[in-house]
Amino acid sequence: MTVEIERNATKGSSYLKNEGKRVAEMTFSVASPNLIIIDHTEVNENYRGQELGRRLLDALIQKAREENFKILPLCPYARSVFENDPEIRDVMK
């Protein structure tokens, strides 16, 4: 499974598909060209425990570094990852 990111002017998501169905998704709002706000993470119960949420977040972190924007993690999962991993805080707002 490969992480894909879709984004329009106001919203977006980082997601993973298996057999054509989304099995994990992290949604965000686009606050400005320089800021996204992660608001929700969901992983299908059959795929929990495989660190799919972290893969979704890592893809957004990589994109933030490449495109020079910040991430405000309002989602409890994303916020906890940022709090526990100082190496990714360079993109945190």
PDB file of N, CA and C in Angstrom:
ATOM      1  N   MET A   1       0.839  -1.190   0.000  1.00  0.00           N
ATOM      2  CA  MET A   1       0.000   0.000   0.000  1.00  0.00           C
ATOM      3  C   MET A   1       0.879   1.246   0.000  1.00  0.00           C
ATOM      4  N   THR A   2       0.524   2.172  -0.849  1.00  0.00           N
ATOM      5  CA  THR A   2       1.251   3.419  -0.964  1.00  0.00           C
ATOM      6  C   THR A   2       0.369   4.562  -0.474  1.00  0.00           C
ATOM      7  N   VAL A   3       0.947   5.461   0.289  1.00  0.00           N
ATOM      8  CA  VAL A   3       0.203   6.625   0.767  1.00  0.00           C
ATOM      9  C   VAL A   3      -0.031   7.571  -0.405  1.00  0.00           C
ATOM     10  N   GLU A   4      -1.260   8.026  -0.533  1.00  0.00           N
ATOM     11  CA  GLU A   4      -1.607   9.024  -1.534  1.00  0.00           C
ATOM     12  C   GLU A   4      -2.134  10.254  -0.816  1.00  0.00           C
ATOM     13  N   ILE A   5      -1.909  11.410  -1.406  1.00  0.00           N
ATOM     14  CA  ILE A   5      -2.385  12.672  -0.832  1.00  0.00           C
ATOM     15  C   ILE A   5      -3.200  13.382  -1.886  1.00  0.00           C
ATOM     16  N   GLU A   6      -4.399  13.806  -1.489  1.00  0.00           N
ATOM     17  CA  GLU A   6      -5.218  14.633  -2.373  1.00  0.00           C
ATOM     18  C   GLU A   6      -5.518  15.929  -1.632  1.00  0.00           C
ATOM     19  N   ARG A   7      -5.565  17.017  -2.400  1.00  0.00           N
ATOM     20  CA  ARG A   7      -5.733  18.327  -1.776  1.00  0.00           C
ATOM     21  C   ARG A   7      -6.387  19.270  -2.774  1.00  0.00           C
ATOM     22  N   ASN A   8      -7.354  20.053  -2.277  1.00  0.00           N
ATOM     23  CA  ASN A   8      -7.910  21.127  -3.087  1.00  0.00           C
ATOM     24  C   ASN A   8      -7.669  22.438  -2.347  1.00  0.00           C
ATOM     25  N   ALA A   9      -8.373  23.488  -2.669  1.00  0.00           N
ATOM     26  CA  ALA A   9      -8.109  24.801  -2.074  1.00  0.00           C
ATOM     27  C   ALA A   9      -8.411  24.851  -0.584  1.00  0.00           C
ATOM     28  N   THR A  10      -9.326  24.009  -0.087  1.00  0.00           N
ATOM     29  CA  THR A  10      -9.731  24.125   1.316  1.00  0.00           C
ATOM     30  C   THR A  10      -9.571  22.862   2.150  1.00  0.00           C
ATOM     31  N   LYS A  11      -9.510  21.697   1.523  1.00  0.00           N
ATOM     32  CA  LYS A  11      -9.449  20.441   2.269  1.00  0.00           C
ATOM     33  C   LYS A  11      -8.517  19.452   1.587  1.00  0.00           C
ATOM     34  N   GLY A  12      -8.185  18.395   2.324  1.00  0.00           N
ATOM     35  CA  GLY A  12      -7.371  17.349   1.741  1.00  0.00           C
ATOM     36  C   GLY A  12      -7.319  16.134   2.633  1.00  0.00           C
ATOM     37  N   SER A  13      -6.633  15.108   2.148  1.00  0.00           N
ATOM     38  CA  SER A  13      -6.448  13.907   2.950  1.00  0.00           C
ATOM     39  C   SER A  13      -5.213  13.144   2.479  1.00  0.00           C
ATOM     40  N   SER A  14      -4.682  12.417   3.437  1.00  0.00           N
ATOM     41  CA  SER A  14      -3.612  11.463   3.195  1.00  0.00           C
ATOM     42  C   SER A  14      -4.279  10.111   3.435  1.00  0.00           C
ATOM     43  N   TYR A  15      -4.133   9.154   2.502  1.00  0.00           N
ATOM     44  CA  TYR A  15      -4.870   7.914   2.673  1.00  0.00           C
ATOM     45  C   TYR A  15      -4.126   6.720   2.091  1.00  0.00           C
ATOM     46  N   LEU A  16      -4.559   5.560   2.536  1.00  0.00           N
ATOM     47  CA  LEU A  16      -4.045   4.283   2.050  1.00  0.00           C
ATOM     48  C   LEU A  16      -5.222   3.458   1.559  1.00  0.00           C
ATOM     49  N   LYS A  17      -5.046   2.807   0.423  1.00  0.00           N
ATOM     50  CA  LYS A  17      -6.078   1.927  -0.130  1.00  0.00           C
ATOM     51  C   LYS A  17      -5.562   0.496  -0.166  1.00  0.00           C
ATOM     52  N   ASN A  18      -6.472  -0.422   0.026  1.00  0.00           N
ATOM     53  CA  ASN A  18      -6.175  -1.835  -0.171  1.00  0.00           C
ATOM     54  C   ASN A  18      -7.344  -2.424  -0.947  1.00  0.00           C
ATOM     55  N   GLU A  19      -7.051  -3.037  -2.071  1.00  0.00           N
ATOM     56  CA  GLU A  19      -8.063  -3.613  -2.946  1.00  0.00           C
ATOM     57  C   GLU A  19      -9.141  -2.591  -3.310  1.00  0.00           C
ATOM     58  N   GLY A  20      -8.707  -1.361  -3.586  1.00  0.00           N
ATOM     59  CA  GLY A  20      -9.603  -0.318  -4.044  1.00  0.00           C
ATOM     60  C   GLY A  20     -10.386   0.409  -2.963  1.00  0.00           C
ATOM     61  N   LYS A  21     -10.249  -0.005  -1.706  1.00  0.00           N
ATOM     62  CA  LYS A  21     -10.982   0.643  -0.610  1.00  0.00           C
ATOM     63  C   LYS A  21     -10.008   1.360   0.311  1.00  0.00           C
ATOM     64  N   ARG A  22     -10.426   2.540   0.775  1.00  0.00           N
ATOM     65  CA  ARG A  22      -9.602   3.255   1.755  1.00  0.00           C
ATOM     66  C   ARG A  22      -9.643   2.514   3.083  1.00  0.00           C
ATOM     67  N   VAL A  23      -8.460   2.207   3.588  1.00  0.00           N
ATOM     68  CA  VAL A  23      -8.378   1.500   4.865  1.00  0.00           C
ATOM     69  C   VAL A  23      -7.824   2.393   5.971  1.00  0.00           C
ATOM     70  N   ALA A  24      -7.277   3.542   5.592  1.00  0.00           N
ATOM     71  CA  ALA A  24      -6.769   4.503   6.562  1.00  0.00           C
ATOM     72  C   ALA A  24      -6.798   5.880   5.914  1.00  0.00           C
ATOM     73  N   GLU A  25      -7.166   6.891   6.727  1.00  0.00           N
ATOM     74  CA  GLU A  25      -7.257   8.244   6.190  1.00  0.00           C
ATOM     75  C   GLU A  25      -6.969   9.264   7.278  1.00  0.00           C
ATOM     76  N   MET A  26      -6.238  10.302   6.917  1.00  0.00           N
ATOM     77  CA  MET A  26      -5.964  11.447   7.778  1.00  0.00           C
ATOM     78  C   MET A  26      -6.444  12.673   7.014  1.00  0.00           C
ATOM     79  N   THR A  27      -7.416  13.380   7.568  1.00  0.00           N
ATOM     80  CA  THR A  27      -7.990  14.522   6.871  1.00  0.00           C
ATOM     81  C   THR A  27      -7.437  15.824   7.440  1.00  0.00           C
ATOM     82  N   PHE A  28      -7.424  16.843   6.581  1.00  0.00           N
ATOM     83  CA  PHE A  28      -6.926  18.148   7.007  1.00  0.00           C
ATOM     84  C   PHE A  28      -7.662  19.258   6.276  1.00  0.00           C
ATOM     85  N   SER A  29      -7.612  20.445   6.887  1.00  0.00           N
ATOM     86  CA  SER A  29      -8.122  21.669   6.271  1.00  0.00           C
ATOM     87  C   SER A  29      -6.937  22.509   5.850  1.00  0.00           C
ATOM     88  N   VAL A  30      -7.079  23.223   4.754  1.00  0.00           N
ATOM     89  CA  VAL A  30      -6.032  24.121   4.285  1.00  0.00           C
ATOM     90  C   VAL A  30      -6.375  25.511   4.825  1.00  0.00           C
ATOM     91  N   ALA A  31      -5.626  25.953   5.828  1.00  0.00           N
ATOM     92  CA  ALA A  31      -5.886  27.251   6.453  1.00  0.00           C
ATOM     93  C   ALA A  31      -5.303  28.395   5.628  1.00  0.00           C
ATOM     94  N   SER A  32      -4.168  28.125   5.004  1.00  0.00           N
ATOM     95  CA  SER A  32      -3.489  29.112   4.162  1.00  0.00           C
ATOM     96  C   SER A  32      -2.478  28.349   3.311  1.00  0.00           C
ATOM     97  N   PRO A  33      -1.811  29.023   2.366  1.00  0.00           N
ATOM     98  CA  PRO A  33      -0.787  28.312   1.589  1.00  0.00           C
ATOM     99  C   PRO A  33       0.354  27.773   2.458  1.00  0.00           C
ATOM    100  N   ASN A  34       0.492  28.325   3.664  1.00  0.00           N
ATOM    101  CA  ASN A  34       1.600  27.939   4.538  1.00  0.00           C
ATOM    102  C   ASN A  34       1.183  27.102   5.738  1.00  0.00           C
ATOM    103  N   LEU A  35      -0.107  26.688   5.802  1.00  0.00           N
ATOM    104  CA  LEU A  35      -0.587  25.966   6.988  1.00  0.00           C
ATOM    105  C   LEU A  35      -1.727  25.020   6.652  1.00  0.00           C
ATOM    106  N   ILE A  36      -1.565  23.757   7.120  1.00  0.00           N
ATOM    107  CA  ILE A  36      -2.689  22.823   7.095  1.00  0.00           C
ATOM    108  C   ILE A  36      -3.003  22.432   8.536  1.00  0.00           C
ATOM    109  N   ILE A  37      -4.258  22.065   8.772  1.00  0.00           N
ATOM    110  CA  ILE A  37      -4.706  21.668  10.104  1.00  0.00           C
ATOM    111  C   ILE A  37      -5.223  20.237  10.021  1.00  0.00           C
ATOM    112  N   ILE A  38      -4.505  19.322  10.651  1.00  0.00           N
ATOM    113  CA  ILE A  38      -4.950  17.923  10.672  1.00  0.00           C
ATOM    114  C   ILE A  38      -6.072  17.819  11.692  1.00  0.00           C
ATOM    115  N   ASP A  39      -7.246  17.327  11.231  1.00  0.00           N
ATOM    116  CA  ASP A  39      -8.400  17.297  12.117  1.00  0.00           C
ATOM    117  C   ASP A  39      -8.917  15.895  12.444  1.00  0.00           C
ATOM    118  N   HIS A  40      -8.484  14.874  11.704  1.00  0.00           N
ATOM    119  CA  HIS A  40      -9.030  13.545  11.972  1.00  0.00           C
ATOM    120  C   HIS A  40      -8.127  12.465  11.381  1.00  0.00           C
ATOM    121  N   THR A  41      -8.016  11.370  12.113  1.00  0.00           N
ATOM    122  CA  THR A  41      -7.313  10.180  11.618  1.00  0.00           C
ATOM    123  C   THR A  41      -8.196   8.976  11.891  1.00  0.00           C
ATOM    124  N   GLU A  42      -8.339   8.146  10.875  1.00  0.00           N
ATOM    125  CA  GLU A  42      -9.151   6.946  11.042  1.00  0.00           C
ATOM    126  C   GLU A  42      -8.490   5.782  10.317  1.00  0.00           C
ATOM    127  N   VAL A  43      -8.417   4.646  11.024  1.00  0.00           N
ATOM    128  CA  VAL A  43      -7.867   3.420  10.453  1.00  0.00           C
ATOM    129  C   VAL A  43      -8.910   2.322  10.628  1.00  0.00           C
ATOM    130  N   ASN A  44      -9.211   1.627   9.544  1.00  0.00           N
ATOM    131  CA  ASN A  44     -10.148   0.515   9.596  1.00  0.00           C
ATOM    132  C   ASN A  44      -9.705  -0.461  10.680  1.00  0.00           C
ATOM    133  N   GLU A  45     -10.653  -0.958  11.459  1.00  0.00           N
ATOM    134  CA  GLU A  45     -10.314  -1.821  12.596  1.00  0.00           C
ATOM    135  C   GLU A  45      -9.528  -3.065  12.189  1.00  0.00           C
ATOM    136  N   ASN A  46      -9.693  -3.543  10.966  1.00  0.00           N
ATOM    137  CA  ASN A  46      -8.945  -4.714  10.509  1.00  0.00           C
ATOM    138  C   ASN A  46      -7.470  -4.409  10.235  1.00  0.00           C
ATOM    139  N   TYR A  47      -7.109  -3.130  10.226  1.00  0.00           N
ATOM    140  CA  TYR A  47      -5.739  -2.729   9.895  1.00  0.00           C
ATOM    141  C   TYR A  47      -5.040  -2.032  11.058  1.00  0.00           C
ATOM    142  N   ARG A  48      -5.674  -1.991  12.207  1.00  0.00           N
ATOM    143  CA  ARG A  48      -5.066  -1.317  13.358  1.00  0.00           C
ATOM    144  C   ARG A  48      -3.853  -2.088  13.850  1.00  0.00           C
ATOM    145  N   GLY A  49      -2.932  -1.350  14.469  1.00  0.00           N
ATOM    146  CA  GLY A  49      -1.717  -1.965  14.988  1.00  0.00           C
ATOM    147  C   GLY A  49      -0.615  -2.118  13.955  1.00  0.00           C
ATOM    148  N   GLN A  50      -0.819  -1.577  12.753  1.00  0.00           N
ATOM    149  CA  GLN A  50       0.177  -1.692  11.693  1.00  0.00           C
ATOM    150  C   GLN A  50       0.865  -0.358  11.410  1.00  0.00           C
ATOM    151  N   GLU A  51       0.666   0.613  12.289  1.00  0.00           N
ATOM    152  CA  GLU A  51       1.265   1.947  12.176  1.00  0.00           C
ATOM    153  C   GLU A  51       0.875   2.673  10.893  1.00  0.00           C
ATOM    154  N   LEU A  52      -0.333   2.433  10.413  1.00  0.00           N
ATOM    155  CA  LEU A  52      -0.788   3.113   9.201  1.00  0.00           C
ATOM    156  C   LEU A  52      -0.994   4.603   9.453  1.00  0.00           C
ATOM    157  N   GLY A  53      -1.468   4.960  10.642  1.00  0.00           N
ATOM    158  CA  GLY A  53      -1.627   6.374  10.976  1.00  0.00           C
ATOM    159  C   GLY A  53      -0.299   7.110  10.893  1.00  0.00           C
ATOM    160  N   ARG A  54       0.739   6.490  11.373  1.00  0.00           N
ATOM    161  CA  ARG A  54       2.063   7.115  11.319  1.00  0.00           C
ATOM    162  C   ARG A  54       2.536   7.262   9.877  1.00  0.00           C
ATOM    163  N   ARG A  55       2.247   6.285   9.045  1.00  0.00           N
ATOM    164  CA  ARG A  55       2.622   6.389   7.625  1.00  0.00           C
ATOM    165  C   ARG A  55       1.912   7.563   6.957  1.00  0.00           C
ATOM    166  N   LEU A  56       0.641   7.753   7.304  1.00  0.00           N
ATOM    167  CA  LEU A  56      -0.111   8.880   6.747  1.00  0.00           C
ATOM    168  C   LEU A  56       0.502  10.201   7.191  1.00  0.00           C
ATOM    169  N   LEU A  57       0.815  10.288   8.481  1.00  0.00           N
ATOM    170  CA  LEU A  57       1.406  11.513   9.007  1.00  0.00           C
ATOM    171  C   LEU A  57       2.786  11.763   8.414  1.00  0.00           C
ATOM    172  N   ASP A  58       3.597  10.721   8.296  1.00  0.00           N
ATOM    173  CA  ASP A  58       4.937  10.881   7.723  1.00  0.00           C
ATOM    174  C   ASP A  58       4.878  11.406   6.292  1.00  0.00           C
ATOM    175  N   ALA A  59       3.883  10.971   5.529  1.00  0.00           N
ATOM    176  CA  ALA A  59       3.737  11.466   4.151  1.00  0.00           C
ATOM    177  C   ALA A  59       3.424  12.959   4.151  1.00  0.00           C
ATOM    178  N   LEU A  60       2.572  13.403   5.076  1.00  0.00           N
ATOM    179  CA  LEU A  60       2.263  14.837   5.164  1.00  0.00           C
ATOM    180  C   LEU A  60       3.462  15.637   5.659  1.00  0.00           C
ATOM    181  N   ILE A  61       4.224  15.072   6.572  1.00  0.00           N
ATOM    182  CA  ILE A  61       5.433  15.747   7.062  1.00  0.00           C
ATOM    183  C   ILE A  61       6.434  15.917   5.924  1.00  0.00           C
ATOM    184  N   GLN A  62       6.634  14.878   5.134  1.00  0.00           N
ATOM    185  CA  GLN A  62       7.550  14.967   3.994  1.00  0.00           C
ATOM    186  C   GLN A  62       7.080  16.050   3.020  1.00  0.00           C
ATOM    187  N   LYS A  63       5.787  16.077   2.736  1.00  0.00           N
ATOM    188  CA  LYS A  63       5.227  17.076   1.827  1.00  0.00           C
ATOM    189  C   LYS A  63       5.400  18.480   2.404  1.00  0.00           C
ATOM    190  N   ALA A  64       5.211  18.633   3.708  1.00  0.00           N
ATOM    191  CA  ALA A  64       5.380  19.936   4.356  1.00  0.00           C
ATOM    192  C   ALA A  64       6.825  20.424   4.219  1.00  0.00           C
ATOM    193  N   ARG A  65       7.757  19.527   4.369  1.00  0.00           N
ATOM    194  CA  ARG A  65       9.167  19.904   4.214  1.00  0.00           C
ATOM    195  C   ARG A  65       9.486  20.276   2.777  1.00  0.00           C
ATOM    196  N   GLU A  66       8.948  19.526   1.833  1.00  0.00           N
ATOM    197  CA  GLU A  66       9.206  19.799   0.417  1.00  0.00           C
ATOM    198  C   GLU A  66       8.557  21.103  -0.045  1.00  0.00           C
ATOM    199  N   GLU A  67       7.358  21.382   0.457  1.00  0.00           N
ATOM    200  CA  GLU A  67       6.591  22.531  -0.022  1.00  0.00           C
ATOM    201  C   GLU A  67       6.584  23.705   0.958  1.00  0.00           C
ATOM    202  N   ASN A  68       7.330  23.559   2.046  1.00  0.00           N
ATOM    203  CA  ASN A  68       7.527  24.637   3.014  1.00  0.00           C
ATOM    204  C   ASN A  68       6.221  25.156   3.615  1.00  0.00           C
ATOM    205  N   PHE A  69       5.444  24.236   4.206  1.00  0.00           N
ATOM    206  CA  PHE A  69       4.280  24.661   4.971  1.00  0.00           C
ATOM    207  C   PHE A  69       4.335  24.009   6.347  1.00  0.00           C
ATOM    208  N   LYS A  70       3.519  24.503   7.262  1.00  0.00           N
ATOM    209  CA  LYS A  70       3.469  24.006   8.639  1.00  0.00           C
ATOM    210  C   LYS A  70       2.203  23.192   8.843  1.00  0.00           C
ATOM    211  N   ILE A  71       2.225  22.376   9.896  1.00  0.00           N
ATOM    212  CA  ILE A  71       1.100  21.517  10.256  1.00  0.00           C
ATOM    213  C   ILE A  71       0.661  21.850  11.673  1.00  0.00           C
ATOM    214  N   LEU A  72      -0.629  22.108  11.832  1.00  0.00           N
ATOM    215  CA  LEU A  72      -1.222  22.286  13.151  1.00  0.00           C
ATOM    216  C   LEU A  72      -2.013  21.009  13.446  1.00  0.00           C
ATOM    217  N   PRO A  73      -1.544  20.179  14.394  1.00  0.00           N
ATOM    218  CA  PRO A  73      -2.204  18.901  14.649  1.00  0.00           C
ATOM    219  C   PRO A  73      -3.312  19.029  15.699  1.00  0.00           C
ATOM    220  N   LEU A  74      -4.545  19.199  15.276  1.00  0.00           N
ATOM    221  CA  LEU A  74      -5.665  19.236  16.212  1.00  0.00           C
ATOM    222  C   LEU A  74      -6.201  17.836  16.505  1.00  0.00           C
ATOM    223  N   CYS A  75      -6.013  16.930  15.593  1.00  0.00           N
ATOM    224  CA  CYS A  75      -6.411  15.535  15.788  1.00  0.00           C
ATOM    225  C   CYS A  75      -5.604  14.964  16.964  1.00  0.00           C
ATOM    226  N   PRO A  76      -6.266  14.308  17.917  1.00  0.00           N
ATOM    227  CA  PRO A  76      -5.532  13.765  19.077  1.00  0.00           C
ATOM    228  C   PRO A  76      -4.392  12.821  18.690  1.00  0.00           C
ATOM    229  N   TYR A  77      -4.590  11.983  17.679  1.00  0.00           N
ATOM    230  CA  TYR A  77      -3.520  11.068  17.272  1.00  0.00           C
ATOM    231  C   TYR A  77      -2.306  11.847  16.760  1.00  0.00           C
ATOM    232  N   ALA A  78      -2.539  12.746  15.804  1.00  0.00           N
ATOM    233  CA  ALA A  78      -1.426  13.508  15.227  1.00  0.00           C
ATOM    234  C   ALA A  78      -0.729  14.346  16.290  1.00  0.00           C
ATOM    235  N   ARG A  79      -1.507  14.963  17.172  1.00  0.00           N
ATOM    236  CA  ARG A  79      -0.922  15.781  18.242  1.00  0.00           C
ATOM    237  C   ARG A  79      -0.011  14.937  19.129  1.00  0.00           C
ATOM    238  N   SER A  80      -0.461  13.719  19.479  1.00  0.00           N
ATOM    239  CA  SER A  80       0.364  12.874  20.352  1.00  0.00           C
ATOM    240  C   SER A  80       1.667  12.455  19.672  1.00  0.00           C
ATOM    241  N   VAL A  81       1.631  12.212  18.375  1.00  0.00           N
ATOM    242  CA  VAL A  81       2.855  11.853  17.661  1.00  0.00           C
ATOM    243  C   VAL A  81       3.830  13.030  17.676  1.00  0.00           C
ATOM    244  N   PHE A  82       3.341  14.228  17.392  1.00  0.00           N
ATOM    245  CA  PHE A  82       4.209  15.408  17.424  1.00  0.00           C
ATOM    246  C   PHE A  82       4.792  15.625  18.822  1.00  0.00           C
ATOM    247  N   GLU A  83       3.988  15.422  19.857  1.00  0.00           N
ATOM    248  CA  GLU A  83       4.466  15.616  21.229  1.00  0.00           C
ATOM    249  C   GLU A  83       5.546  14.622  21.603  1.00  0.00           C
ATOM    250  N   ASN A  84       5.483  13.413  21.042  1.00  0.00           N
ATOM    251  CA  ASN A  84       6.420  12.352  21.417  1.00  0.00           C
ATOM    252  C   ASN A  84       7.604  12.179  20.479  1.00  0.00           C
ATOM    253  N   ASP A  85       7.655  12.930  19.392  1.00  0.00           N
ATOM    254  CA  ASP A  85       8.753  12.788  18.429  1.00  0.00           C
ATOM    255  C   ASP A  85       9.330  14.163  18.089  1.00  0.00           C
ATOM    256  N   PRO A  86      10.361  14.591  18.813  1.00  0.00           N
ATOM    257  CA  PRO A  86      10.927  15.914  18.578  1.00  0.00           C
ATOM    258  C   PRO A  86      11.532  16.098  17.184  1.00  0.00           C
ATOM    259  N   GLU A  87      11.847  15.024  16.477  1.00  0.00           N
ATOM    260  CA  GLU A  87      12.474  15.129  15.168  1.00  0.00           C
ATOM    261  C   GLU A  87      11.530  15.622  14.080  1.00  0.00           C
ATOM    262  N   ILE A  88      10.229  15.657  14.344  1.00  0.00           N
ATOM    263  CA  ILE A  88       9.280  16.115  13.331  1.00  0.00           C
ATOM    264  C   ILE A  88       8.694  17.493  13.646  1.00  0.00           C
ATOM    265  N   ARG A  89       9.095  18.060  14.759  1.00  0.00           N
ATOM    266  CA  ARG A  89       8.504  19.330  15.184  1.00  0.00           C
ATOM    267  C   ARG A  89       8.910  20.528  14.327  1.00  0.00           C
ATOM    268  N   ASP A  90       9.840  20.343  13.417  1.00  0.00           N
ATOM    269  CA  ASP A  90      10.242  21.444  12.536  1.00  0.00           C
ATOM    270  C   ASP A  90       9.091  21.902  11.639  1.00  0.00           C
ATOM    271  N   VAL A  91       8.103  21.022  11.418  1.00  0.00           N
ATOM    272  CA  VAL A  91       6.963  21.387  10.575  1.00  0.00           C
ATOM    273  C   VAL A  91       5.707  21.678  11.398  1.00  0.00           C
ATOM    274  N   MET A  92       5.824  21.617  12.708  1.00  0.00           N
ATOM    275  CA  MET A  92       4.678  21.841  13.576  1.00  0.00           C
ATOM    276  C   MET A  92       4.445  23.319  13.834  1.00  0.00           C
ATOM    277  N   LYS A  93       3.192  23.717  13.784  1.00  0.00           N
ATOM    278  CA  LYS A  93       2.823  25.096  14.085  1.00  0.00           C
ATOM    279  C   LYS A  93       2.389  25.180  15.527  1.00  0.00           C
TER     280      LYS A  93
END
